[in-house]
PDB file of N, CA and C in Angstrom:
ATOM      1  N   MET A   1     -53.762   2.079 -19.588  1.00  0.00           N
ATOM      2  CA  MET A   1     -52.375   2.495 -19.573  1.00  0.00           C
ATOM      3  C   MET A   1     -51.703   1.985 -20.851  1.00  0.00           C
ATOM      4  N   PRO A   2     -51.002   2.858 -21.550  1.00  0.00           N
ATOM      5  CA  PRO A   2     -50.336   2.441 -22.785  1.00  0.00           C
ATOM      6  C   PRO A   2     -49.182   1.483 -22.487  1.00  0.00           C
ATOM      7  N   PRO A   3     -48.843   0.640 -23.449  1.00  0.00           N
ATOM      8  CA  PRO A   3     -47.712  -0.253 -23.227  1.00  0.00           C
ATOM      9  C   PRO A   3     -46.416   0.537 -23.096  1.00  0.00           C
ATOM     10  N   ARG A   4     -45.531   0.023 -22.281  1.00  0.00           N
ATOM     11  CA  ARG A   4     -44.239   0.679 -22.068  1.00  0.00           C
ATOM     12  C   ARG A   4     -43.130  -0.298 -22.453  1.00  0.00           C
ATOM     13  N   ILE A   5     -42.182   0.177 -23.254  1.00  0.00           N
ATOM     14  CA  ILE A   5     -41.015  -0.637 -23.552  1.00  0.00           C
ATOM     15  C   ILE A   5     -39.891  -0.202 -22.634  1.00  0.00           C
ATOM     16  N   ARG A   6     -39.098  -1.179 -22.204  1.00  0.00           N
ATOM     17  CA  ARG A   6     -38.022  -0.899 -21.242  1.00  0.00           C
ATOM     18  C   ARG A   6     -36.698  -1.387 -21.793  1.00  0.00           C
ATOM     19  N   PHE A   7     -35.662  -0.676 -21.418  1.00  0.00           N
ATOM     20  CA  PHE A   7     -34.308  -1.009 -21.834  1.00  0.00           C
ATOM     21  C   PHE A   7     -33.391  -0.921 -20.623  1.00  0.00           C
ATOM     22  N   SER A   8     -32.417  -1.813 -20.568  1.00  0.00           N
ATOM     23  CA  SER A   8     -31.416  -1.742 -19.511  1.00  0.00           C
ATOM     24  C   SER A   8     -30.045  -2.026 -20.108  1.00  0.00           C
ATOM     25  N   GLY A   9     -29.022  -1.662 -19.362  1.00  0.00           N
ATOM     26  CA  GLY A   9     -27.662  -1.862 -19.837  1.00  0.00           C
ATOM     27  C   GLY A   9     -27.217  -3.308 -19.701  1.00  0.00           C
ATOM     28  N   ALA A  10     -26.186  -3.665 -20.434  1.00  0.00           N
ATOM     29  CA  ALA A  10     -25.634  -5.013 -20.349  1.00  0.00           C
ATOM     30  C   ALA A  10     -25.002  -5.247 -18.979  1.00  0.00           C
ATOM     31  N   GLU A  11     -24.450  -4.198 -18.412  1.00  0.00           N
ATOM     32  CA  GLU A  11     -23.862  -4.262 -17.071  1.00  0.00           C
ATOM     33  C   GLU A  11     -24.878  -3.694 -16.083  1.00  0.00           C
ATOM     34  N   LYS A  12     -24.432  -3.346 -14.924  1.00  0.00           N
ATOM     35  CA  LYS A  12     -25.308  -2.805 -13.883  1.00  0.00           C
ATOM     36  C   LYS A  12     -25.960  -1.490 -14.306  1.00  0.00           C
ATOM     37  N   ASP A  13     -25.204  -0.611 -14.969  1.00  0.00           N
ATOM     38  CA  ASP A  13     -25.694   0.702 -15.367  1.00  0.00           C
ATOM     39  C   ASP A  13     -25.585   0.853 -16.880  1.00  0.00           C
ATOM     40  N   MET A  14     -26.392   1.767 -17.443  1.00  0.00           N
ATOM     41  CA  MET A  14     -26.392   1.994 -18.885  1.00  0.00           C
ATOM     42  C   MET A  14     -25.259   2.922 -19.298  1.00  0.00           C
ATOM     43  N   THR A  15     -24.745   2.668 -20.491  1.00  0.00           N
ATOM     44  CA  THR A  15     -23.753   3.559 -21.088  1.00  0.00           C
ATOM     45  C   THR A  15     -24.461   4.515 -22.032  1.00  0.00           C
ATOM     46  N   LEU A  16     -23.781   5.531 -22.477  1.00  0.00           N
ATOM     47  CA  LEU A  16     -24.340   6.478 -23.428  1.00  0.00           C
ATOM     48  C   LEU A  16     -24.713   5.765 -24.732  1.00  0.00           C
ATOM     49  N   ASP A  17     -23.878   4.846 -25.185  1.00  0.00           N
ATOM     50  CA  ASP A  17     -24.185   4.083 -26.397  1.00  0.00           C
ATOM     51  C   ASP A  17     -25.460   3.258 -26.228  1.00  0.00           C
ATOM     52  N   GLU A  18     -25.642   2.653 -25.059  1.00  0.00           N
ATOM     53  CA  GLU A  18     -26.846   1.860 -24.803  1.00  0.00           C
ATOM     54  C   GLU A  18     -28.083   2.746 -24.745  1.00  0.00           C
ATOM     55  N   LEU A  19     -27.949   3.933 -24.185  1.00  0.00           N
ATOM     56  CA  LEU A  19     -29.064   4.869 -24.147  1.00  0.00           C
ATOM     57  C   LEU A  19     -29.452   5.293 -25.555  1.00  0.00           C
ATOM     58  N   GLU A  20     -28.459   5.585 -26.384  1.00  0.00           N
ATOM     59  CA  GLU A  20     -28.732   5.959 -27.769  1.00  0.00           C
ATOM     60  C   GLU A  20     -29.441   4.826 -28.511  1.00  0.00           C
ATOM     61  N   GLU A  21     -29.006   3.606 -28.303  1.00  0.00           N
ATOM     62  CA  GLU A  21     -29.642   2.453 -28.938  1.00  0.00           C
ATOM     63  C   GLU A  21     -31.087   2.298 -28.457  1.00  0.00           C
ATOM     64  N   ALA A  22     -31.327   2.522 -27.174  1.00  0.00           N
ATOM     65  CA  ALA A  22     -32.679   2.444 -26.626  1.00  0.00           C
ATOM     66  C   ALA A  22     -33.589   3.477 -27.279  1.00  0.00           C
ATOM     67  N   ILE A  23     -33.080   4.686 -27.479  1.00  0.00           N
ATOM     68  CA  ILE A  23     -33.865   5.744 -28.122  1.00  0.00           C
ATOM     69  C   ILE A  23     -34.210   5.354 -29.552  1.00  0.00           C
ATOM     70  N   GLN A  24     -33.257   4.812 -30.276  1.00  0.00           N
ATOM     71  CA  GLN A  24     -33.513   4.389 -31.657  1.00  0.00           C
ATOM     72  C   GLN A  24     -34.577   3.303 -31.708  1.00  0.00           C
ATOM     73  N   HIS A  25     -34.511   2.327 -30.801  1.00  0.00           N
ATOM     74  CA  HIS A  25     -35.512   1.260 -30.756  1.00  0.00           C
ATOM     75  C   HIS A  25     -36.890   1.823 -30.392  1.00  0.00           C
ATOM     76  N   ALA A  26     -36.931   2.745 -29.443  1.00  0.00           N
ATOM     77  CA  ALA A  26     -38.209   3.333 -29.032  1.00  0.00           C
ATOM     78  C   ALA A  26     -38.854   4.094 -30.187  1.00  0.00           C
ATOM     79  N   ARG A  27     -38.083   4.840 -30.935  1.00  0.00           N
ATOM     80  CA  ARG A  27     -38.629   5.575 -32.084  1.00  0.00           C
ATOM     81  C   ARG A  27     -39.140   4.613 -33.154  1.00  0.00           C
ATOM     82  N   LYS A  28     -38.412   3.525 -33.401  1.00  0.00           N
ATOM     83  CA  LYS A  28     -38.859   2.524 -34.383  1.00  0.00           C
ATOM     84  C   LYS A  28     -40.145   1.839 -33.929  1.00  0.00           C
ATOM     85  N   ALA A  29     -40.348   1.754 -32.613  1.00  0.00           N
ATOM     86  CA  ALA A  29     -41.545   1.131 -32.057  1.00  0.00           C
ATOM     87  C   ALA A  29     -42.732   2.088 -32.031  1.00  0.00           C
ATOM     88  N   GLY A  30     -42.513   3.347 -32.421  1.00  0.00           N
ATOM     89  CA  GLY A  30     -43.615   4.298 -32.503  1.00  0.00           C
ATOM     90  C   GLY A  30     -43.611   5.399 -31.466  1.00  0.00           C
ATOM     91  N   ALA A  31     -42.620   5.435 -30.591  1.00  0.00           N
ATOM     92  CA  ALA A  31     -42.544   6.511 -29.601  1.00  0.00           C
ATOM     93  C   ALA A  31     -42.175   7.815 -30.308  1.00  0.00           C
ATOM     94  N   GLU A  32     -42.845   8.886 -29.919  1.00  0.00           N
ATOM     95  CA  GLU A  32     -42.581  10.184 -30.532  1.00  0.00           C
ATOM     96  C   GLU A  32     -41.730  11.037 -29.596  1.00  0.00           C
ATOM     97  N   GLY A  33     -41.197  12.109 -30.127  1.00  0.00           N
ATOM     98  CA  GLY A  33     -40.325  12.982 -29.347  1.00  0.00           C
ATOM     99  C   GLY A  33     -40.999  13.658 -28.168  1.00  0.00           C
ATOM    100  N   THR A  34     -42.326  13.687 -28.145  1.00  0.00           N
ATOM    101  CA  THR A  34     -43.053  14.306 -27.037  1.00  0.00           C
ATOM    102  C   THR A  34     -43.317  13.332 -25.894  1.00  0.00           C
ATOM    103  N   CYS A  35     -42.952  12.066 -26.056  1.00  0.00           N
ATOM    104  CA  CYS A  35     -43.173  11.055 -25.014  1.00  0.00           C
ATOM    105  C   CYS A  35     -42.228  11.288 -23.841  1.00  0.00           C
ATOM    106  N   TYR A  36     -42.741  11.046 -22.654  1.00  0.00           N
ATOM    107  CA  TYR A  36     -41.903  11.137 -21.463  1.00  0.00           C
ATOM    108  C   TYR A  36     -41.041   9.892 -21.345  1.00  0.00           C
ATOM    109  N   VAL A  37     -39.866  10.061 -20.771  1.00  0.00           N
ATOM    110  CA  VAL A  37     -38.951   8.959 -20.530  1.00  0.00           C
ATOM    111  C   VAL A  37     -38.967   8.665 -19.027  1.00  0.00           C
ATOM    112  N   TYR A  38     -39.123   7.408 -18.685  1.00  0.00           N
ATOM    113  CA  TYR A  38     -39.111   6.978 -17.292  1.00  0.00           C
ATOM    114  C   TYR A  38     -37.796   6.270 -17.036  1.00  0.00           C
ATOM    115  N   ALA A  39     -37.206   6.477 -15.861  1.00  0.00           N
ATOM    116  CA  ALA A  39     -35.898   5.886 -15.576  1.00  0.00           C
ATOM    117  C   ALA A  39     -35.847   5.333 -14.157  1.00  0.00           C
ATOM    118  N   VAL A  40     -35.038   4.290 -14.011  1.00  0.00           N
ATOM    119  CA  VAL A  40     -34.691   3.734 -12.706  1.00  0.00           C
ATOM    120  C   VAL A  40     -33.225   4.063 -12.499  1.00  0.00           C
ATOM    121  N   LEU A  41     -32.928   4.718 -11.390  1.00  0.00           N
ATOM    122  CA  LEU A  41     -31.555   5.136 -11.095  1.00  0.00           C
ATOM    123  C   LEU A  41     -30.953   4.290  -9.988  1.00  0.00           C
ATOM    124  N   SER A  42     -29.631   4.156 -10.022  1.00  0.00           N
ATOM    125  CA  SER A  42     -28.915   3.483  -8.936  1.00  0.00           C
ATOM    126  C   SER A  42     -28.780   4.466  -7.774  1.00  0.00           C
ATOM    127  N   THR A  43     -28.316   3.974  -6.638  1.00  0.00           N
ATOM    128  CA  THR A  43     -28.144   4.855  -5.477  1.00  0.00           C
ATOM    129  C   THR A  43     -27.094   5.932  -5.730  1.00  0.00           C
ATOM    130  N   SER A  44     -26.209   5.701  -6.714  1.00  0.00           N
ATOM    131  CA  SER A  44     -25.203   6.708  -7.057  1.00  0.00           C
ATOM    132  C   SER A  44     -25.681   7.658  -8.151  1.00  0.00           C
ATOM    133  N   GLY A  45     -26.942   7.486  -8.609  1.00  0.00           N
ATOM    134  CA  GLY A  45     -27.521   8.380  -9.599  1.00  0.00           C
ATOM    135  C   GLY A  45     -27.326   7.950 -11.042  1.00  0.00           C
ATOM    136  N   LYS A  46     -26.704   6.806 -11.281  1.00  0.00           N
ATOM    137  CA  LYS A  46     -26.515   6.311 -12.651  1.00  0.00           C
ATOM    138  C   LYS A  46     -27.810   5.690 -13.158  1.00  0.00           C
ATOM    139  N   VAL A  47     -28.021   5.734 -14.469  1.00  0.00           N
ATOM    140  CA  VAL A  47     -29.219   5.175 -15.084  1.00  0.00           C
ATOM    141  C   VAL A  47     -29.065   3.658 -15.187  1.00  0.00           C
ATOM    142  N   LYS A  48     -30.022   2.939 -14.605  1.00  0.00           N
ATOM    143  CA  LYS A  48     -30.024   1.481 -14.680  1.00  0.00           C
ATOM    144  C   LYS A  48     -30.971   0.994 -15.768  1.00  0.00           C
ATOM    145  N   GLU A  49     -32.103   1.684 -15.924  1.00  0.00           N
ATOM    146  CA  GLU A  49     -33.138   1.266 -16.868  1.00  0.00           C
ATOM    147  C   GLU A  49     -33.919   2.488 -17.322  1.00  0.00           C
ATOM    148  N   VAL A  50     -34.340   2.485 -18.592  1.00  0.00           N
ATOM    149  CA  VAL A  50     -35.231   3.529 -19.104  1.00  0.00           C
ATOM    150  C   VAL A  50     -36.435   2.863 -19.746  1.00  0.00           C
ATOM    151  N   GLY A  51     -37.542   3.593 -19.772  1.00  0.00           N
ATOM    152  CA  GLY A  51     -38.760   3.106 -20.393  1.00  0.00           C
ATOM    153  C   GLY A  51     -39.496   4.244 -21.072  1.00  0.00           C
ATOM    154  N   VAL A  52     -40.247   3.897 -22.110  1.00  0.00           N
ATOM    155  CA  VAL A  52     -41.021   4.874 -22.867  1.00  0.00           C
ATOM    156  C   VAL A  52     -42.367   4.243 -23.206  1.00  0.00           C
ATOM    157  N   ASN A  53     -43.448   4.992 -22.992  1.00  0.00           N
ATOM    158  CA  ASN A  53     -44.774   4.525 -23.396  1.00  0.00           C
ATOM    159  C   ASN A  53     -44.890   4.615 -24.912  1.00  0.00           C
ATOM    160  N   ILE A  54     -45.532   3.612 -25.502  1.00  0.00           N
ATOM    161  CA  ILE A  54     -45.788   3.635 -26.937  1.00  0.00           C
ATOM    162  C   ILE A  54     -47.271   3.390 -27.163  1.00  0.00           C
ATOM    163  N   GLY A  55     -47.736   3.771 -28.329  1.00  0.00           N
ATOM    164  CA  GLY A  55     -49.138   3.562 -28.654  1.00  0.00           C
ATOM    165  C   GLY A  55     -50.014   4.679 -28.141  1.00  0.00           C
ATOM    166  N   ASP A  56     -51.299   4.366 -27.938  1.00  0.00           N
ATOM    167  CA  ASP A  56     -52.270   5.366 -27.498  1.00  0.00           C
ATOM    168  C   ASP A  56     -51.892   5.935 -26.151  1.00  0.00           C
ATOM    169  N   GLY A  57     -51.958   7.250 -26.036  1.00  0.00           N
ATOM    170  CA  GLY A  57     -51.690   7.916 -24.772  1.00  0.00           C
ATOM    171  C   GLY A  57     -50.220   8.074 -24.440  1.00  0.00           C
ATOM    172  N   ALA A  58     -49.355   7.890 -25.426  1.00  0.00           N
ATOM    173  CA  ALA A  58     -47.926   7.939 -25.150  1.00  0.00           C
ATOM    174  C   ALA A  58     -47.429   9.344 -24.825  1.00  0.00           C
ATOM    175  N   ASP A  59     -48.260  10.359 -25.046  1.00  0.00           N
ATOM    176  CA  ASP A  59     -47.824  11.735 -24.822  1.00  0.00           C
ATOM    177  C   ASP A  59     -48.070  12.230 -23.393  1.00  0.00           C
ATOM    178  N   TYR A  60     -48.528  11.392 -22.521  1.00  0.00           N
ATOM    179  CA  TYR A  60     -48.766  11.855 -21.149  1.00  0.00           C
ATOM    180  C   TYR A  60     -48.165  10.927 -20.135  1.00  0.00           C
TER     181      TYR A  60
END
């Protein structure tokens, strides 16, 4: 299984700015645009955490 980097918001849920920052960090770490994004949602449907596989096998 390829390594996965994870990001979460400073508060309970992520903001749009935090999501954008997470994407920038993931791309700098080697994640490509074809990588799937994994997310943990709150019971109200807000994004709490996102993750992206990097390295070998990151496209599946």
